[in-house]
ModelCIF file with pLDDT and N, C-alpha, C, O atoms, coordinates in Angstrom:
data_MODEL
#
_entry.id   MODEL 
#
_entity.id                         1 
_entity.type                       polymer 
_entity.pdbx_number_of_molecules   1 
#
_entity_poly.entity_id                      1 
_entity_poly.type                           'polypeptide(L)' 
_entity_poly.nstd_linkage                   no 
_entity_poly.nstd_monomer                   no 
_entity_poly.pdbx_seq_one_letter_code       TLRWAQKEKDLNNPKVYRVCPLGDIKGIVYGKSNAKF 
_entity_poly.pdbx_seq_one_letter_code_can   TLRWAQKEKDLNNPKVYRVCPLGDIKGIVYGKSNAKF 
_entity_poly.pdbx_strand_id                 A 
#
loop_
_entity_poly_seq.entity_id 
_entity_poly_seq.num 
_entity_poly_seq.mon_id 
_entity_poly_seq.hetero 
1 1  THR n 
1 2  LEU n 
1 3  ARG n 
1 4  TRP n 
1 5  ALA n 
1 6  GLN n 
1 7  LYS n 
1 8  GLU n 
1 9  LYS n 
1 10 ASP n 
1 11 LEU n 
1 12 ASN n 
1 13 ASN n 
1 14 PRO n 
1 15 LYS n 
1 16 VAL n 
1 17 TYR n 
1 18 ARG n 
1 19 VAL n 
1 20 CYS n 
1 21 PRO n 
1 22 LEU n 
1 23 GLY n 
1 24 ASP n 
1 25 ILE n 
1 26 LYS n 
1 27 GLY n 
1 28 ILE n 
1 29 VAL n 
1 30 TYR n 
1 31 GLY n 
1 32 LYS n 
1 33 SER n 
1 34 ASN n 
1 35 ALA n 
1 36 LYS n 
1 37 PHE n 
#
_struct_asym.id          A 
_struct_asym.entity_id   1 
#
loop_
_ma_qa_metric.id 
_ma_qa_metric.mode 
_ma_qa_metric.name 
_ma_qa_metric.software_group_id 
_ma_qa_metric.type 
1 global pLDDT . pLDDT 
2 local  pLDDT . pLDDT 
#
_ma_qa_metric_global.metric_id      1 
_ma_qa_metric_global.metric_value   93.19 
_ma_qa_metric_global.model_id       1 
_ma_qa_metric_global.ordinal_id     1 
#
loop_
_ma_qa_metric_local.label_asym_id 
_ma_qa_metric_local.label_comp_id 
_ma_qa_metric_local.label_seq_id 
_ma_qa_metric_local.metric_id 
_ma_qa_metric_local.metric_value 
_ma_qa_metric_local.model_id 
_ma_qa_metric_local.ordinal_id 
A THR 1  2 95.00 1 1  
A LEU 2  2 96.00 1 2  
A ARG 3  2 97.00 1 3  
A TRP 4  2 97.00 1 4  
A ALA 5  2 97.00 1 5  
A GLN 6  2 96.00 1 6  
A LYS 7  2 95.00 1 7  
A GLU 8  2 94.00 1 8  
A LYS 9  2 94.00 1 9  
A ASP 10 2 95.00 1 10 
A LEU 11 2 94.00 1 11 
A ASN 12 2 92.00 1 12 
A ASN 13 2 95.00 1 13 
A PRO 14 2 94.00 1 14 
A LYS 15 2 96.00 1 15 
A VAL 16 2 96.00 1 16 
A TYR 17 2 97.00 1 17 
A ARG 18 2 97.00 1 18 
A VAL 19 2 97.00 1 19 
A CYS 20 2 97.00 1 20 
A PRO 21 2 96.00 1 21 
A LEU 22 2 96.00 1 22 
A GLY 23 2 95.00 1 23 
A ASP 24 2 96.00 1 24 
A ILE 25 2 96.00 1 25 
A LYS 26 2 96.00 1 26 
A GLY 27 2 95.00 1 27 
A ILE 28 2 96.00 1 28 
A VAL 29 2 94.00 1 29 
A TYR 30 2 93.00 1 30 
A GLY 31 2 92.00 1 31 
A LYS 32 2 89.00 1 32 
A SER 33 2 79.00 1 33 
A ASN 34 2 81.00 1 34 
A ALA 35 2 81.00 1 35 
A LYS 36 2 79.00 1 36 
A PHE 37 2 83.00 1 37 
#
loop_
_atom_site.group_PDB 
_atom_site.id 
_atom_site.type_symbol 
_atom_site.label_atom_id 
_atom_site.label_alt_id 
_atom_site.label_comp_id 
_atom_site.label_asym_id 
_atom_site.label_entity_id 
_atom_site.label_seq_id 
_atom_site.pdbx_PDB_ins_code 
_atom_site.Cartn_x 
_atom_site.Cartn_y 
_atom_site.Cartn_z 
_atom_site.occupancy 
_atom_site.B_iso_or_equiv 
_atom_site.pdbx_formal_charge 
_atom_site.auth_seq_id 
_atom_site.auth_comp_id 
_atom_site.auth_asym_id 
_atom_site.auth_atom_id 
_atom_site.pdbx_PDB_model_num 
ATOM 1   N N  . THR A 1 1  ? 3.017   -8.762  3.049   1.00 95.00 ? 1  THR A N  1 
ATOM 2   C CA . THR A 1 1  ? 2.584   -7.387  3.212   1.00 95.00 ? 1  THR A CA 1 
ATOM 3   C C  . THR A 1 1  ? 2.911   -6.605  1.949   1.00 95.00 ? 1  THR A C  1 
ATOM 4   O O  . THR A 1 1  ? 3.784   -6.981  1.167   1.00 95.00 ? 1  THR A O  1 
ATOM 5   N N  . LEU A 1 2  ? 2.195   -5.522  1.774   1.00 96.00 ? 2  LEU A N  1 
ATOM 6   C CA . LEU A 1 2  ? 2.493   -4.554  0.734   1.00 96.00 ? 2  LEU A CA 1 
ATOM 7   C C  . LEU A 1 2  ? 3.021   -3.330  1.457   1.00 96.00 ? 2  LEU A C  1 
ATOM 8   O O  . LEU A 1 2  ? 2.353   -2.777  2.331   1.00 96.00 ? 2  LEU A O  1 
ATOM 9   N N  . ARG A 1 3  ? 4.215   -2.912  1.091   1.00 97.00 ? 3  ARG A N  1 
ATOM 10  C CA . ARG A 1 3  ? 4.837   -1.738  1.718   1.00 97.00 ? 3  ARG A CA 1 
ATOM 11  C C  . ARG A 1 3  ? 4.978   -0.633  0.691   1.00 97.00 ? 3  ARG A C  1 
ATOM 12  O O  . ARG A 1 3  ? 5.117   -0.884  -0.506  1.00 97.00 ? 3  ARG A O  1 
ATOM 13  N N  . TRP A 1 4  ? 4.939   0.605   1.187   1.00 97.00 ? 4  TRP A N  1 
ATOM 14  C CA . TRP A 1 4  ? 5.223   1.738   0.331   1.00 97.00 ? 4  TRP A CA 1 
ATOM 15  C C  . TRP A 1 4  ? 5.882   2.843   1.133   1.00 97.00 ? 4  TRP A C  1 
ATOM 16  O O  . TRP A 1 4  ? 5.656   3.003   2.332   1.00 97.00 ? 4  TRP A O  1 
ATOM 17  N N  . ALA A 1 5  ? 6.709   3.601   0.418   1.00 97.00 ? 5  ALA A N  1 
ATOM 18  C CA . ALA A 1 5  ? 7.456   4.706   1.034   1.00 97.00 ? 5  ALA A CA 1 
ATOM 19  C C  . ALA A 1 5  ? 7.808   5.714   -0.041  1.00 97.00 ? 5  ALA A C  1 
ATOM 20  O O  . ALA A 1 5  ? 7.691   5.442   -1.236  1.00 97.00 ? 5  ALA A O  1 
ATOM 21  N N  . GLN A 1 6  ? 8.235   6.868   0.400   1.00 96.00 ? 6  GLN A N  1 
ATOM 22  C CA . GLN A 1 6  ? 8.594   7.929   -0.538  1.00 96.00 ? 6  GLN A CA 1 
ATOM 23  C C  . GLN A 1 6  ? 9.875   7.590   -1.308  1.00 96.00 ? 6  GLN A C  1 
ATOM 24  O O  . GLN A 1 6  ? 10.002  7.921   -2.487  1.00 96.00 ? 6  GLN A O  1 
ATOM 25  N N  . LYS A 1 7  ? 10.811  6.935   -0.641  1.00 95.00 ? 7  LYS A N  1 
ATOM 26  C CA . LYS A 1 7  ? 12.077  6.560   -1.267  1.00 95.00 ? 7  LYS A CA 1 
ATOM 27  C C  . LYS A 1 7  ? 12.230  5.043   -1.230  1.00 95.00 ? 7  LYS A C  1 
ATOM 28  O O  . LYS A 1 7  ? 11.819  4.393   -0.269  1.00 95.00 ? 7  LYS A O  1 
ATOM 29  N N  . GLU A 1 8  ? 12.812  4.497   -2.260  1.00 94.00 ? 8  GLU A N  1 
ATOM 30  C CA . GLU A 1 8  ? 12.974  3.047   -2.348  1.00 94.00 ? 8  GLU A CA 1 
ATOM 31  C C  . GLU A 1 8  ? 13.752  2.486   -1.155  1.00 94.00 ? 8  GLU A C  1 
ATOM 32  O O  . GLU A 1 8  ? 13.413  1.422   -0.635  1.00 94.00 ? 8  GLU A O  1 
ATOM 33  N N  . LYS A 1 9  ? 14.789  3.195   -0.725  1.00 94.00 ? 9  LYS A N  1 
ATOM 34  C CA . LYS A 1 9  ? 15.602  2.707   0.391   1.00 94.00 ? 9  LYS A CA 1 
ATOM 35  C C  . LYS A 1 9  ? 14.809  2.636   1.699   1.00 94.00 ? 9  LYS A C  1 
ATOM 36  O O  . LYS A 1 9  ? 15.173  1.890   2.609   1.00 94.00 ? 9  LYS A O  1 
ATOM 37  N N  . ASP A 1 10 ? 13.719  3.417   1.792   1.00 95.00 ? 10 ASP A N  1 
ATOM 38  C CA . ASP A 1 10 ? 12.907  3.432   3.008   1.00 95.00 ? 10 ASP A CA 1 
ATOM 39  C C  . ASP A 1 10 ? 11.981  2.223   3.141   1.00 95.00 ? 10 ASP A C  1 
ATOM 40  O O  . ASP A 1 10 ? 11.342  2.052   4.179   1.00 95.00 ? 10 ASP A O  1 
ATOM 41  N N  . LEU A 1 11 ? 11.901  1.384   2.108   1.00 94.00 ? 11 LEU A N  1 
ATOM 42  C CA . LEU A 1 11 ? 11.041  0.204   2.166   1.00 94.00 ? 11 LEU A CA 1 
ATOM 43  C C  . LEU A 1 11 ? 11.518  -0.813  3.202   1.00 94.00 ? 11 LEU A C  1 
ATOM 44  O O  . LEU A 1 11 ? 10.791  -1.748  3.537   1.00 94.00 ? 11 LEU A O  1 
ATOM 45  N N  . ASN A 1 12 ? 12.721  -0.634  3.703   1.00 92.00 ? 12 ASN A N  1 
ATOM 46  C CA . ASN A 1 12 ? 13.258  -1.511  4.739   1.00 92.00 ? 12 ASN A CA 1 
ATOM 47  C C  . ASN A 1 12 ? 13.309  -0.847  6.115   1.00 92.00 ? 12 ASN A C  1 
ATOM 48  O O  . ASN A 1 12 ? 13.845  -1.418  7.064   1.00 92.00 ? 12 ASN A O  1 
ATOM 49  N N  . ASN A 1 13 ? 12.756  0.344   6.218   1.00 95.00 ? 13 ASN A N  1 
ATOM 50  C CA . ASN A 1 13 ? 12.794  1.092   7.476   1.00 95.00 ? 13 ASN A CA 1 
ATOM 51  C C  . ASN A 1 13 ? 11.383  1.193   8.063   1.00 95.00 ? 13 ASN A C  1 
ATOM 52  O O  . ASN A 1 13 ? 10.591  2.022   7.613   1.00 95.00 ? 13 ASN A O  1 
ATOM 53  N N  . PRO A 1 14 ? 11.054  0.359   9.068   1.00 94.00 ? 14 PRO A N  1 
ATOM 54  C CA . PRO A 1 14 ? 9.702   0.360   9.630   1.00 94.00 ? 14 PRO A CA 1 
ATOM 55  C C  . PRO A 1 14 ? 9.256   1.690   10.224  1.00 94.00 ? 14 PRO A C  1 
ATOM 56  O O  . PRO A 1 14 ? 8.060   1.905   10.422  1.00 94.00 ? 14 PRO A O  1 
ATOM 57  N N  . LYS A 1 15 ? 10.183  2.573   10.507  1.00 96.00 ? 15 LYS A N  1 
ATOM 58  C CA . LYS A 1 15 ? 9.816   3.882   11.044  1.00 96.00 ? 15 LYS A CA 1 
ATOM 59  C C  . LYS A 1 15 ? 9.271   4.796   9.949   1.00 96.00 ? 15 LYS A C  1 
ATOM 60  O O  . LYS A 1 15 ? 8.608   5.792   10.238  1.00 96.00 ? 15 LYS A O  1 
ATOM 61  N N  . VAL A 1 16 ? 9.552   4.454   8.689   1.00 96.00 ? 16 VAL A N  1 
ATOM 62  C CA . VAL A 1 16 ? 9.201   5.340   7.590   1.00 96.00 ? 16 VAL A CA 1 
ATOM 63  C C  . VAL A 1 16 ? 8.146   4.746   6.653   1.00 96.00 ? 16 VAL A C  1 
ATOM 64  O O  . VAL A 1 16 ? 7.258   5.468   6.201   1.00 96.00 ? 16 VAL A O  1 
ATOM 65  N N  . TYR A 1 17 ? 8.222   3.465   6.357   1.00 97.00 ? 17 TYR A N  1 
ATOM 66  C CA . TYR A 1 17 ? 7.295   2.919   5.361   1.00 97.00 ? 17 TYR A CA 1 
ATOM 67  C C  . TYR A 1 17 ? 5.896   2.723   5.931   1.00 97.00 ? 17 TYR A C  1 
ATOM 68  O O  . TYR A 1 17 ? 5.704   2.603   7.141   1.00 97.00 ? 17 TYR A O  1 
ATOM 69  N N  . ARG A 1 18 ? 4.928   2.695   5.024   1.00 97.00 ? 18 ARG A N  1 
ATOM 70  C CA . ARG A 1 18 ? 3.545   2.343   5.351   1.00 97.00 ? 18 ARG A CA 1 
ATOM 71  C C  . ARG A 1 18 ? 3.376   0.892   4.940   1.00 97.00 ? 18 ARG A C  1 
ATOM 72  O O  . ARG A 1 18 ? 4.078   0.406   4.053   1.00 97.00 ? 18 ARG A O  1 
ATOM 73  N N  . VAL A 1 19 ? 2.457   0.206   5.576   1.00 97.00 ? 19 VAL A N  1 
ATOM 74  C CA . VAL A 1 19 ? 2.304   -1.217  5.309   1.00 97.00 ? 19 VAL A CA 1 
ATOM 75  C C  . VAL A 1 19 ? 0.829   -1.611  5.331   1.00 97.00 ? 19 VAL A C  1 
ATOM 76  O O  . VAL A 1 19 ? 0.025   -1.047  6.072   1.00 97.00 ? 19 VAL A O  1 
ATOM 77  N N  . CYS A 1 20 ? 0.501   -2.588  4.503   1.00 97.00 ? 20 CYS A N  1 
ATOM 78  C CA . CYS A 1 20 ? -0.832  -3.168  4.486   1.00 97.00 ? 20 CYS A CA 1 
ATOM 79  C C  . CYS A 1 20 ? -0.669  -4.678  4.364   1.00 97.00 ? 20 CYS A C  1 
ATOM 80  O O  . CYS A 1 20 ? -0.163  -5.159  3.350   1.00 97.00 ? 20 CYS A O  1 
ATOM 81  N N  . PRO A 1 21 ? -1.088  -5.438  5.380   1.00 96.00 ? 21 PRO A N  1 
ATOM 82  C CA . PRO A 1 21 ? -1.046  -6.897  5.255   1.00 96.00 ? 21 PRO A CA 1 
ATOM 83  C C  . PRO A 1 21 ? -1.981  -7.346  4.139   1.00 96.00 ? 21 PRO A C  1 
ATOM 84  O O  . PRO A 1 21 ? -3.094  -6.833  4.020   1.00 96.00 ? 21 PRO A O  1 
ATOM 85  N N  . LEU A 1 22 ? -1.542  -8.297  3.322   1.00 96.00 ? 22 LEU A N  1 
ATOM 86  C CA . LEU A 1 22 ? -2.377  -8.773  2.230   1.00 96.00 ? 22 LEU A CA 1 
ATOM 87  C C  . LEU A 1 22 ? -3.699  -9.319  2.741   1.00 96.00 ? 22 LEU A C  1 
ATOM 88  O O  . LEU A 1 22 ? -4.717  -9.204  2.058   1.00 96.00 ? 22 LEU A O  1 
ATOM 89  N N  . GLY A 1 23 ? -3.704  -9.903  3.915   1.00 95.00 ? 23 GLY A N  1 
ATOM 90  C CA . GLY A 1 23 ? -4.932  -10.436 4.493   1.00 95.00 ? 23 GLY A CA 1 
ATOM 91  C C  . GLY A 1 23 ? -5.976  -9.374  4.802   1.00 95.00 ? 23 GLY A C  1 
ATOM 92  O O  . GLY A 1 23 ? -7.149  -9.700  4.984   1.00 95.00 ? 23 GLY A O  1 
ATOM 93  N N  . ASP A 1 24 ? -5.571  -8.107  4.865   1.00 96.00 ? 24 ASP A N  1 
ATOM 94  C CA . ASP A 1 24 ? -6.507  -7.008  5.117   1.00 96.00 ? 24 ASP A CA 1 
ATOM 95  C C  . ASP A 1 24 ? -7.173  -6.504  3.843   1.00 96.00 ? 24 ASP A C  1 
ATOM 96  O O  . ASP A 1 24 ? -8.128  -5.730  3.906   1.00 96.00 ? 24 ASP A O  1 
ATOM 97  N N  . ILE A 1 25 ? -6.677  -6.935  2.690   1.00 96.00 ? 25 ILE A N  1 
ATOM 98  C CA . ILE A 1 25 ? -7.224  -6.483  1.412   1.00 96.00 ? 25 ILE A CA 1 
ATOM 99  C C  . ILE A 1 25 ? -8.378  -7.402  1.031   1.00 96.00 ? 25 ILE A C  1 
ATOM 100 O O  . ILE A 1 25 ? -8.191  -8.607  0.868   1.00 96.00 ? 25 ILE A O  1 
ATOM 101 N N  . LYS A 1 26 ? -9.565  -6.833  0.889   1.00 96.00 ? 26 LYS A N  1 
ATOM 102 C CA . LYS A 1 26 ? -10.751 -7.609  0.548   1.00 96.00 ? 26 LYS A CA 1 
ATOM 103 C C  . LYS A 1 26 ? -10.802 -7.924  -0.942  1.00 96.00 ? 26 LYS A C  1 
ATOM 104 O O  . LYS A 1 26 ? -11.389 -8.926  -1.351  1.00 96.00 ? 26 LYS A O  1 
ATOM 105 N N  . GLY A 1 27 ? -10.189 -7.070  -1.746  1.00 95.00 ? 27 GLY A N  1 
ATOM 106 C CA . GLY A 1 27 ? -10.197 -7.294  -3.183  1.00 95.00 ? 27 GLY A CA 1 
ATOM 107 C C  . GLY A 1 27 ? -9.485  -6.195  -3.935  1.00 95.00 ? 27 GLY A C  1 
ATOM 108 O O  . GLY A 1 27 ? -9.063  -5.189  -3.364  1.00 95.00 ? 27 GLY A O  1 
ATOM 109 N N  . ILE A 1 28 ? -9.361  -6.413  -5.236  1.00 96.00 ? 28 ILE A N  1 
ATOM 110 C CA . ILE A 1 28 ? -8.743  -5.442  -6.130  1.00 96.00 ? 28 ILE A CA 1 
ATOM 111 C C  . ILE A 1 28 ? -9.762  -5.106  -7.209  1.00 96.00 ? 28 ILE A C  1 
ATOM 112 O O  . ILE A 1 28 ? -10.350 -5.996  -7.822  1.00 96.00 ? 28 ILE A O  1 
ATOM 113 N N  . VAL A 1 29 ? -9.964  -3.808  -7.434  1.00 94.00 ? 29 VAL A N  1 
ATOM 114 C CA . VAL A 1 29 ? -10.898 -3.365  -8.451  1.00 94.00 ? 29 VAL A CA 1 
ATOM 115 C C  . VAL A 1 29 ? -10.106 -2.597  -9.509  1.00 94.00 ? 29 VAL A C  1 
ATOM 116 O O  . VAL A 1 29 ? -9.359  -1.668  -9.204  1.00 94.00 ? 29 VAL A O  1 
ATOM 117 N N  . TYR A 1 30 ? -10.292 -3.007  -10.737 1.00 93.00 ? 30 TYR A N  1 
ATOM 118 C CA . TYR A 1 30 ? -9.589  -2.415  -11.872 1.00 93.00 ? 30 TYR A CA 1 
ATOM 119 C C  . TYR A 1 30 ? -10.348 -1.178  -12.350 1.00 93.00 ? 30 TYR A C  1 
ATOM 120 O O  . TYR A 1 30 ? -11.575 -1.195  -12.439 1.00 93.00 ? 30 TYR A O  1 
ATOM 121 N N  . GLY A 1 31 ? -9.622  -0.115  -12.656 1.00 92.00 ? 31 GLY A N  1 
ATOM 122 C CA . GLY A 1 31 ? -10.222 1.119   -13.156 1.00 92.00 ? 31 GLY A CA 1 
ATOM 123 C C  . GLY A 1 31 ? -10.414 2.131   -12.044 1.00 92.00 ? 31 GLY A C  1 
ATOM 124 O O  . GLY A 1 31 ? -10.004 1.909   -10.904 1.00 92.00 ? 31 GLY A O  1 
ATOM 125 N N  . LYS A 1 32 ? -11.047 3.254   -12.391 1.00 89.00 ? 32 LYS A N  1 
ATOM 126 C CA . LYS A 1 32 ? -11.373 4.294   -11.404 1.00 89.00 ? 32 LYS A CA 1 
ATOM 127 C C  . LYS A 1 32 ? -12.647 3.845   -10.704 1.00 89.00 ? 32 LYS A C  1 
ATOM 128 O O  . LYS A 1 32 ? -13.753 4.142   -11.156 1.00 89.00 ? 32 LYS A O  1 
ATOM 129 N N  . SER A 1 33 ? -12.485 3.140   -9.619  1.00 79.00 ? 33 SER A N  1 
ATOM 130 C CA . SER A 1 33 ? -13.565 2.343   -9.047  1.00 79.00 ? 33 SER A CA 1 
ATOM 131 C C  . SER A 1 33 ? -14.501 3.041   -8.082  1.00 79.00 ? 33 SER A C  1 
ATOM 132 O O  . SER A 1 33 ? -15.568 2.507   -7.783  1.00 79.00 ? 33 SER A O  1 
ATOM 133 N N  . ASN A 1 34 ? -14.152 4.189   -7.595  1.00 81.00 ? 34 ASN A N  1 
ATOM 134 C CA . ASN A 1 34 ? -15.008 4.848   -6.607  1.00 81.00 ? 34 ASN A CA 1 
ATOM 135 C C  . ASN A 1 34 ? -15.092 6.339   -6.901  1.00 81.00 ? 34 ASN A C  1 
ATOM 136 O O  . ASN A 1 34 ? -14.310 6.875   -7.685  1.00 81.00 ? 34 ASN A O  1 
ATOM 137 N N  . ALA A 1 35 ? -16.049 6.996   -6.262  1.00 81.00 ? 35 ALA A N  1 
ATOM 138 C CA . ALA A 1 35 ? -16.305 8.412   -6.542  1.00 81.00 ? 35 ALA A CA 1 
ATOM 139 C C  . ALA A 1 35 ? -15.100 9.292   -6.244  1.00 81.00 ? 35 ALA A C  1 
ATOM 140 O O  . ALA A 1 35 ? -14.794 10.205  -7.011  1.00 81.00 ? 35 ALA A O  1 
ATOM 141 N N  . LYS A 1 36 ? -14.414 9.025   -5.136  1.00 79.00 ? 36 LYS A N  1 
ATOM 142 C CA . LYS A 1 36 ? -13.231 9.836   -4.798  1.00 79.00 ? 36 LYS A CA 1 
ATOM 143 C C  . LYS A 1 36 ? -12.146 9.674   -5.855  1.00 79.00 ? 36 LYS A C  1 
ATOM 144 O O  . LYS A 1 36 ? -11.525 10.650  -6.275  1.00 79.00 ? 36 LYS A O  1 
ATOM 145 N N  . PHE A 1 37 ? -11.928 8.450   -6.273  1.00 83.00 ? 37 PHE A N  1 
ATOM 146 C CA . PHE A 1 37 ? -10.905 8.187   -7.290  1.00 83.00 ? 37 PHE A CA 1 
ATOM 147 C C  . PHE A 1 37 ? -11.273 8.922   -8.582  1.00 83.00 ? 37 PHE A C  1 
ATOM 148 O O  . PHE A 1 37 ? -10.544 8.837   -9.570  1.00 83.00 ? 37 PHE A O  1 
#
């Protein structure tokens, strides 16, 4: 999984961090890849 949180110590706290399983990622695009970005 890829986890992210506001504070480094929160990367181990499931109540606080956000998570994305790698299997849910279809791909990686380099650069400013979309209109919103």
